[in-house]
N, C-alpha and C. Protein backbone atom coordinates (compact mmCIF):
# COMPACT_ATOMS: atom_id res chain seq x y z
N UNK A 1 105.75 108.45 82.01
CA UNK A 1 104.99 109.18 83.01
C UNK A 1 105.43 110.64 82.98
N UNK A 2 104.56 111.51 82.55
CA UNK A 2 104.91 112.93 82.51
C UNK A 2 104.33 113.68 83.70
N UNK A 3 103.02 113.67 83.86
CA UNK A 3 102.39 114.33 85.00
C UNK A 3 102.57 113.47 86.25
N UNK A 4 102.55 114.12 87.40
CA UNK A 4 102.67 113.40 88.66
C UNK A 4 101.28 113.23 89.26
N UNK A 5 100.87 111.99 89.52
CA UNK A 5 99.54 111.78 90.09
C UNK A 5 99.48 112.17 91.56
N UNK A 6 98.29 112.43 92.00
CA UNK A 6 98.00 112.77 93.40
C UNK A 6 97.43 111.53 94.08
N UNK A 7 97.96 111.18 95.23
CA UNK A 7 97.42 110.08 96.02
C UNK A 7 96.79 110.67 97.26
N UNK A 8 95.53 110.34 97.47
CA UNK A 8 94.80 110.90 98.61
C UNK A 8 93.88 109.83 99.19
N UNK A 9 93.35 110.12 100.36
CA UNK A 9 92.42 109.22 101.03
C UNK A 9 91.13 109.09 100.20
N UNK A 10 90.63 107.89 100.10
CA UNK A 10 89.38 107.62 99.38
C UNK A 10 88.20 108.24 100.11
N UNK A 11 87.24 108.77 99.34
CA UNK A 11 86.02 109.36 99.90
C UNK A 11 84.80 108.63 99.34
N UNK A 12 83.69 108.79 100.02
CA UNK A 12 82.44 108.18 99.56
C UNK A 12 82.11 108.63 98.14
N UNK A 13 82.39 109.88 97.83
CA UNK A 13 82.11 110.41 96.48
C UNK A 13 82.90 109.69 95.39
N UNK A 14 83.94 108.98 95.75
CA UNK A 14 84.76 108.25 94.78
C UNK A 14 84.17 106.90 94.39
N UNK A 15 83.17 106.44 95.13
CA UNK A 15 82.74 105.05 94.98
C UNK A 15 82.13 104.71 93.64
N UNK A 16 81.45 105.62 92.97
CA UNK A 16 80.91 105.29 91.64
C UNK A 16 82.05 104.91 90.70
N UNK A 17 83.11 105.69 90.69
CA UNK A 17 84.27 105.40 89.84
C UNK A 17 84.95 104.10 90.29
N UNK A 18 85.13 103.93 91.59
CA UNK A 18 85.78 102.73 92.12
C UNK A 18 84.98 101.48 91.74
N UNK A 19 83.66 101.54 91.88
CA UNK A 19 82.83 100.38 91.57
C UNK A 19 82.90 100.06 90.07
N UNK A 20 82.98 101.08 89.23
CA UNK A 20 83.15 100.84 87.80
C UNK A 20 84.47 100.14 87.51
N UNK A 21 85.53 100.59 88.15
CA UNK A 21 86.84 99.96 87.97
C UNK A 21 86.84 98.54 88.51
N UNK A 22 86.23 98.33 89.65
CA UNK A 22 86.16 96.98 90.23
C UNK A 22 85.53 96.01 89.24
N UNK A 23 84.43 96.45 88.60
CA UNK A 23 83.73 95.58 87.64
C UNK A 23 84.60 95.28 86.42
N UNK A 24 85.42 96.26 86.01
CA UNK A 24 86.31 96.06 84.87
C UNK A 24 87.50 95.17 85.21
N UNK A 25 88.01 95.30 86.42
CA UNK A 25 89.28 94.67 86.78
C UNK A 25 89.17 93.28 87.39
N UNK A 26 88.09 93.01 88.11
CA UNK A 26 88.05 91.80 88.93
C UNK A 26 86.82 90.94 88.65
N UNK A 27 87.02 89.63 88.65
CA UNK A 27 85.89 88.72 88.53
C UNK A 27 85.14 88.59 89.85
N UNK A 28 85.82 88.91 90.97
CA UNK A 28 85.20 88.92 92.30
C UNK A 28 85.34 90.34 92.88
N UNK A 29 84.60 91.30 92.33
CA UNK A 29 84.78 92.68 92.81
C UNK A 29 84.28 92.86 94.23
N UNK A 30 84.93 93.79 94.93
CA UNK A 30 84.45 94.18 96.25
C UNK A 30 83.11 94.89 96.08
N UNK A 31 82.28 94.84 97.10
CA UNK A 31 80.98 95.52 97.08
C UNK A 31 81.12 96.96 97.54
N UNK A 32 80.14 97.76 97.19
CA UNK A 32 80.09 99.15 97.66
C UNK A 32 80.08 99.17 99.20
N UNK A 33 79.36 98.23 99.79
CA UNK A 33 79.28 98.14 101.25
C UNK A 33 80.66 97.90 101.86
N UNK A 34 81.45 97.06 101.21
CA UNK A 34 82.81 96.81 101.71
C UNK A 34 83.64 98.08 101.69
N UNK A 35 83.53 98.85 100.62
CA UNK A 35 84.29 100.11 100.55
C UNK A 35 83.78 101.13 101.56
N UNK A 36 82.46 101.17 101.77
CA UNK A 36 81.92 102.07 102.79
C UNK A 36 82.49 101.73 104.16
N UNK A 37 82.57 100.45 104.45
CA UNK A 37 83.15 100.02 105.73
C UNK A 37 84.60 100.49 105.84
N UNK A 38 85.37 100.33 104.78
CA UNK A 38 86.78 100.73 104.81
C UNK A 38 86.93 102.25 104.98
N UNK A 39 86.09 103.01 104.32
CA UNK A 39 86.17 104.48 104.37
C UNK A 39 85.67 105.02 105.72
N UNK A 40 84.57 104.48 106.20
CA UNK A 40 83.86 105.08 107.33
C UNK A 40 84.09 104.41 108.68
N UNK A 41 84.39 103.12 108.70
CA UNK A 41 84.34 102.38 109.96
C UNK A 41 85.65 101.74 110.38
N UNK A 42 86.34 101.11 109.45
CA UNK A 42 87.52 100.32 109.81
C UNK A 42 88.69 101.21 110.20
N UNK A 43 89.00 101.26 111.47
CA UNK A 43 90.07 102.14 111.96
C UNK A 43 91.46 101.65 111.57
N UNK A 44 91.57 100.42 111.08
CA UNK A 44 92.85 99.88 110.64
C UNK A 44 93.08 100.06 109.14
N UNK A 45 92.10 100.67 108.46
CA UNK A 45 92.12 100.76 107.01
C UNK A 45 92.73 102.06 106.51
N UNK A 46 93.47 101.93 105.42
CA UNK A 46 94.00 103.07 104.69
C UNK A 46 93.53 102.94 103.24
N UNK A 47 92.34 103.48 102.93
CA UNK A 47 91.85 103.42 101.55
C UNK A 47 92.30 104.68 100.79
N UNK A 48 92.93 104.49 99.64
CA UNK A 48 93.45 105.62 98.88
C UNK A 48 93.04 105.52 97.42
N UNK A 49 93.06 106.68 96.76
CA UNK A 49 92.90 106.74 95.31
C UNK A 49 94.09 107.48 94.74
N UNK A 50 94.38 107.19 93.48
CA UNK A 50 95.42 107.89 92.75
C UNK A 50 94.75 108.61 91.59
N UNK A 51 94.93 109.92 91.55
CA UNK A 51 94.31 110.75 90.52
C UNK A 51 95.37 111.30 89.57
N UNK A 52 95.02 111.35 88.31
CA UNK A 52 95.84 111.98 87.30
C UNK A 52 94.93 112.96 86.56
N UNK A 53 95.30 114.22 86.56
CA UNK A 53 94.45 115.26 85.96
C UNK A 53 93.02 115.20 86.51
N UNK A 54 92.93 115.00 87.81
CA UNK A 54 91.67 114.97 88.57
C UNK A 54 90.78 113.77 88.27
N UNK A 55 91.30 112.78 87.55
CA UNK A 55 90.55 111.55 87.27
C UNK A 55 91.20 110.40 88.03
N UNK A 56 90.37 109.57 88.67
CA UNK A 56 90.89 108.42 89.42
C UNK A 56 91.36 107.36 88.43
N UNK A 57 92.66 107.03 88.52
CA UNK A 57 93.22 106.00 87.64
C UNK A 57 93.70 104.78 88.42
N UNK A 58 93.68 104.87 89.74
CA UNK A 58 94.09 103.75 90.57
C UNK A 58 93.58 103.89 91.98
N UNK A 59 93.64 102.80 92.71
CA UNK A 59 93.15 102.82 94.09
C UNK A 59 93.70 101.61 94.83
N UNK A 60 93.63 101.69 96.13
CA UNK A 60 94.09 100.57 96.97
C UNK A 60 93.46 100.69 98.34
N UNK A 61 93.39 99.56 99.02
CA UNK A 61 93.02 99.52 100.44
C UNK A 61 94.11 98.72 101.14
N UNK A 62 94.67 99.33 102.17
CA UNK A 62 95.69 98.67 103.00
C UNK A 62 95.15 98.59 104.42
N UNK A 63 95.38 97.45 105.06
CA UNK A 63 95.05 97.30 106.48
C UNK A 63 96.35 97.33 107.26
N UNK A 64 96.39 98.17 108.27
CA UNK A 64 97.57 98.29 109.12
C UNK A 64 97.24 97.74 110.49
N UNK A 65 97.62 96.49 110.74
CA UNK A 65 97.32 95.89 112.03
C UNK A 65 98.29 94.76 112.35
N UNK A 66 98.53 94.60 113.64
CA UNK A 66 99.35 93.51 114.17
C UNK A 66 100.73 93.46 113.49
N UNK A 67 101.33 94.60 113.26
CA UNK A 67 102.65 94.64 112.65
C UNK A 67 102.68 94.34 111.17
N UNK A 68 101.49 94.25 110.56
CA UNK A 68 101.38 93.96 109.13
C UNK A 68 100.86 95.17 108.37
N UNK A 69 101.33 95.29 107.17
CA UNK A 69 100.85 96.25 106.19
C UNK A 69 100.23 95.39 105.09
N UNK A 70 98.93 95.08 105.24
CA UNK A 70 98.25 94.10 104.38
C UNK A 70 97.58 94.81 103.21
N UNK A 71 98.09 94.56 102.01
CA UNK A 71 97.50 95.13 100.80
C UNK A 71 96.26 94.31 100.46
N UNK A 72 95.09 94.85 100.79
CA UNK A 72 93.84 94.11 100.65
C UNK A 72 93.31 94.14 99.22
N UNK A 73 93.42 95.29 98.56
CA UNK A 73 93.02 95.39 97.15
C UNK A 73 93.83 96.50 96.51
N UNK A 74 94.01 96.36 95.21
CA UNK A 74 94.90 97.25 94.47
C UNK A 74 94.48 97.19 93.01
N UNK A 75 94.21 98.33 92.41
CA UNK A 75 93.80 98.32 91.01
C UNK A 75 94.23 99.56 90.26
N UNK A 76 94.53 99.37 88.98
CA UNK A 76 94.87 100.46 88.07
C UNK A 76 93.89 100.36 86.90
N UNK A 77 93.31 101.49 86.51
CA UNK A 77 92.35 101.52 85.39
C UNK A 77 92.98 100.86 84.16
N UNK A 78 92.22 100.02 83.46
CA UNK A 78 92.77 99.30 82.31
C UNK A 78 93.45 100.21 81.27
N UNK A 79 92.88 101.37 81.02
CA UNK A 79 93.47 102.26 80.02
C UNK A 79 94.72 102.99 80.51
N UNK A 80 95.10 102.76 81.76
CA UNK A 80 96.32 103.36 82.32
C UNK A 80 97.34 102.30 82.71
N UNK A 81 97.03 101.04 82.44
CA UNK A 81 97.98 99.97 82.75
C UNK A 81 99.11 99.99 81.73
N UNK A 82 100.27 99.53 82.17
CA UNK A 82 101.42 99.47 81.28
C UNK A 82 102.20 100.77 81.19
N UNK A 83 101.81 101.75 81.99
CA UNK A 83 102.49 103.05 81.97
C UNK A 83 103.29 103.33 83.23
N UNK A 84 103.42 102.33 84.09
CA UNK A 84 104.19 102.50 85.33
C UNK A 84 103.39 103.00 86.51
N UNK A 85 102.08 103.15 86.35
CA UNK A 85 101.26 103.69 87.45
C UNK A 85 101.09 102.70 88.58
N UNK A 86 101.02 101.41 88.28
CA UNK A 86 100.94 100.40 89.34
C UNK A 86 102.20 100.42 90.19
N UNK A 87 103.33 100.49 89.53
CA UNK A 87 104.62 100.58 90.23
C UNK A 87 104.67 101.85 91.09
N UNK A 88 104.20 102.95 90.53
CA UNK A 88 104.20 104.24 91.25
C UNK A 88 103.34 104.14 92.51
N UNK A 89 102.11 103.63 92.35
CA UNK A 89 101.19 103.54 93.49
C UNK A 89 101.74 102.58 94.55
N UNK A 90 102.26 101.43 94.13
CA UNK A 90 102.78 100.47 95.10
C UNK A 90 103.98 101.06 95.85
N UNK A 91 104.84 101.77 95.15
CA UNK A 91 105.99 102.41 95.81
C UNK A 91 105.53 103.41 96.86
N UNK A 92 104.54 104.23 96.51
CA UNK A 92 104.03 105.22 97.46
C UNK A 92 103.34 104.54 98.64
N UNK A 93 102.59 103.48 98.38
CA UNK A 93 101.92 102.75 99.47
C UNK A 93 102.95 102.17 100.45
N UNK A 94 103.94 101.49 99.92
CA UNK A 94 104.94 100.88 100.78
C UNK A 94 105.70 101.93 101.58
N UNK A 95 105.83 103.13 101.01
CA UNK A 95 106.45 104.23 101.73
C UNK A 95 105.63 104.74 102.89
N UNK A 96 104.35 104.36 102.95
CA UNK A 96 103.47 104.76 104.05
C UNK A 96 103.58 103.83 105.24
N UNK A 97 104.25 102.69 105.04
CA UNK A 97 104.44 101.77 106.16
C UNK A 97 105.29 102.47 107.22
N UNK A 98 104.95 102.23 108.46
CA UNK A 98 105.62 102.94 109.54
C UNK A 98 106.26 101.93 110.49
N UNK A 99 105.50 101.45 111.43
CA UNK A 99 106.02 100.50 112.43
C UNK A 99 105.85 99.05 111.98
N UNK A 100 105.19 98.84 110.87
CA UNK A 100 104.93 97.48 110.41
C UNK A 100 106.24 96.78 110.05
N UNK A 101 106.29 95.50 110.36
CA UNK A 101 107.48 94.71 110.10
C UNK A 101 107.46 94.04 108.73
N UNK A 102 106.23 93.90 108.17
CA UNK A 102 106.13 93.25 106.87
C UNK A 102 104.90 93.72 106.13
N UNK A 103 104.95 93.59 104.82
CA UNK A 103 103.78 93.79 103.97
C UNK A 103 103.36 92.42 103.47
N UNK A 104 102.07 92.23 103.33
CA UNK A 104 101.54 90.94 102.91
C UNK A 104 100.38 91.18 101.95
N UNK A 105 100.16 90.24 101.04
CA UNK A 105 99.04 90.34 100.09
C UNK A 105 98.72 88.97 99.55
N UNK A 106 97.56 88.86 98.95
CA UNK A 106 97.17 87.67 98.20
C UNK A 106 97.02 88.07 96.74
N UNK A 107 97.44 87.18 95.86
CA UNK A 107 97.32 87.43 94.42
C UNK A 107 96.91 86.13 93.75
N UNK A 108 96.08 86.23 92.73
CA UNK A 108 95.68 85.04 91.98
C UNK A 108 96.92 84.34 91.43
N UNK A 109 96.90 83.05 91.52
CA UNK A 109 98.02 82.26 90.99
C UNK A 109 98.24 82.57 89.50
N UNK A 110 97.17 82.85 88.77
CA UNK A 110 97.27 83.10 87.32
C UNK A 110 97.66 84.54 86.96
N UNK A 111 97.74 85.42 87.95
CA UNK A 111 98.01 86.84 87.66
C UNK A 111 99.53 87.09 87.63
N UNK A 112 100.15 86.67 86.55
CA UNK A 112 101.60 86.74 86.43
C UNK A 112 102.10 88.18 86.39
N UNK A 113 101.33 89.06 85.79
CA UNK A 113 101.73 90.47 85.70
C UNK A 113 101.83 91.09 87.09
N UNK A 114 100.81 90.88 87.91
CA UNK A 114 100.83 91.42 89.28
C UNK A 114 101.92 90.76 90.10
N UNK A 115 102.04 89.45 89.98
CA UNK A 115 103.06 88.73 90.73
C UNK A 115 104.45 89.28 90.40
N UNK A 116 104.71 89.53 89.14
CA UNK A 116 106.00 90.07 88.72
C UNK A 116 106.24 91.45 89.33
N UNK A 117 105.21 92.29 89.34
CA UNK A 117 105.33 93.62 89.96
C UNK A 117 105.68 93.48 91.43
N UNK A 118 104.97 92.64 92.15
CA UNK A 118 105.22 92.47 93.58
C UNK A 118 106.63 91.93 93.83
N UNK A 119 107.05 90.96 93.03
CA UNK A 119 108.40 90.41 93.19
C UNK A 119 109.47 91.47 92.97
N UNK A 120 109.22 92.41 92.05
CA UNK A 120 110.20 93.47 91.79
C UNK A 120 110.38 94.39 92.99
N UNK A 121 109.42 94.37 93.92
CA UNK A 121 109.50 95.15 95.15
C UNK A 121 109.99 94.32 96.33
N UNK A 122 110.38 93.09 96.08
CA UNK A 122 110.92 92.25 97.14
C UNK A 122 109.92 91.32 97.80
N UNK A 123 108.72 91.23 97.25
CA UNK A 123 107.74 90.27 97.79
C UNK A 123 108.15 88.86 97.37
N UNK A 124 107.93 87.91 98.27
CA UNK A 124 108.22 86.50 98.01
C UNK A 124 107.01 85.67 98.42
N UNK A 125 106.79 84.58 97.70
CA UNK A 125 105.69 83.66 98.04
C UNK A 125 106.01 83.00 99.37
N UNK A 126 105.01 83.00 100.27
CA UNK A 126 105.20 82.33 101.56
C UNK A 126 104.14 81.27 101.85
N UNK A 127 103.04 81.31 101.10
CA UNK A 127 101.97 80.34 101.36
C UNK A 127 101.02 80.30 100.17
N UNK A 128 100.14 79.33 100.22
CA UNK A 128 99.12 79.16 99.19
C UNK A 128 97.77 79.04 99.89
N UNK A 129 96.80 79.82 99.46
CA UNK A 129 95.44 79.69 99.97
C UNK A 129 94.63 78.94 98.90
N UNK A 130 94.34 77.69 99.19
CA UNK A 130 93.64 76.84 98.23
C UNK A 130 92.20 77.32 98.02
N UNK A 131 91.80 77.41 96.76
CA UNK A 131 90.42 77.76 96.38
C UNK A 131 89.95 79.04 97.07
N UNK A 132 90.81 80.02 97.11
CA UNK A 132 90.56 81.29 97.81
C UNK A 132 89.48 82.13 97.12
N UNK A 133 89.47 82.09 95.81
CA UNK A 133 88.54 82.92 95.05
C UNK A 133 87.26 82.16 94.71
N UNK A 134 86.20 82.91 94.42
CA UNK A 134 84.89 82.30 94.18
C UNK A 134 84.91 81.26 93.07
N UNK A 135 85.76 81.47 92.07
CA UNK A 135 85.81 80.51 90.96
C UNK A 135 86.69 79.30 91.28
N UNK A 136 87.22 79.22 92.51
CA UNK A 136 88.01 78.09 92.93
C UNK A 136 89.51 78.25 92.72
N UNK A 137 89.92 79.39 92.15
CA UNK A 137 91.35 79.60 91.92
C UNK A 137 92.08 79.82 93.25
N UNK A 138 93.31 79.34 93.30
CA UNK A 138 94.15 79.52 94.47
C UNK A 138 94.73 80.93 94.52
N UNK A 139 95.07 81.36 95.71
CA UNK A 139 95.77 82.63 95.91
C UNK A 139 97.16 82.35 96.44
N UNK A 140 98.13 83.04 95.90
CA UNK A 140 99.48 83.02 96.45
C UNK A 140 99.54 84.09 97.52
N UNK A 141 100.07 83.75 98.68
CA UNK A 141 100.30 84.74 99.73
C UNK A 141 101.74 85.20 99.55
N UNK A 142 101.92 86.50 99.45
CA UNK A 142 103.25 87.06 99.24
C UNK A 142 103.58 88.02 100.37
N UNK A 143 104.86 88.06 100.73
CA UNK A 143 105.31 88.86 101.85
C UNK A 143 106.56 89.64 101.47
N UNK A 144 106.63 90.85 101.98
CA UNK A 144 107.84 91.66 101.89
C UNK A 144 108.22 92.03 103.32
N UNK A 145 109.42 91.67 103.72
CA UNK A 145 109.92 92.02 105.05
C UNK A 145 110.57 93.39 104.98
N UNK A 146 110.18 94.29 105.88
CA UNK A 146 110.78 95.62 105.91
C UNK A 146 112.09 95.62 106.67
N UNK A 147 112.33 94.56 107.47
CA UNK A 147 113.54 94.50 108.28
C UNK A 147 114.66 93.73 107.59
N UNK A 148 114.50 93.43 106.28
CA UNK A 148 115.52 92.73 105.53
C UNK A 148 115.79 93.48 104.23
N UNK A 149 117.01 93.46 103.78
CA UNK A 149 117.37 94.07 102.49
C UNK A 149 116.86 93.18 101.38
N UNK A 150 116.43 93.79 100.26
CA UNK A 150 115.99 93.01 99.10
C UNK A 150 116.99 93.09 97.99
C-alpha cells in the first residue's frame, strides 16, 4: 500500500459504481433502493466509500444502534483485493465505533477469506443463521466485543 485512501460518507452519485461492484462481488447484491435508504433515510446508518486516486475501491454500510456496531455490508473491488485494503477499511470502520459495546456481522459460511480477516480483528463466531442467503447458504454471526482485550 503506497497511497493512502480517502474514506468518506457515501453519496447518491456513488451508486452507479457501488451497484457495479455489488454485481461483481455478491450473488445476492443489495438493490439501489436499499442504498438510497441508507444514504438518505436511515438515521442509524453510516454508509462509506473508500477512494484511491479518486476511484472508489471499497465501501461499507454500518448500522449504529442499540449498543451495536453492525457491519451490514462490506466490499473491496476485485482488482484491489489482496493488497490490504479490506484490512485498512475494516480498521478505519472499527475506529469509528464510539459508545457501542460490540461489533457484529454476518458472513457466508463458505467465505473463508472474509472470515479469516474478521477473526484477525478479534471477531468470534457466536451464532449460525440457517439458510440466511437466497441460495440457502448459512450465515455465521460474528461478534467483536469492544470491552474485552483480543
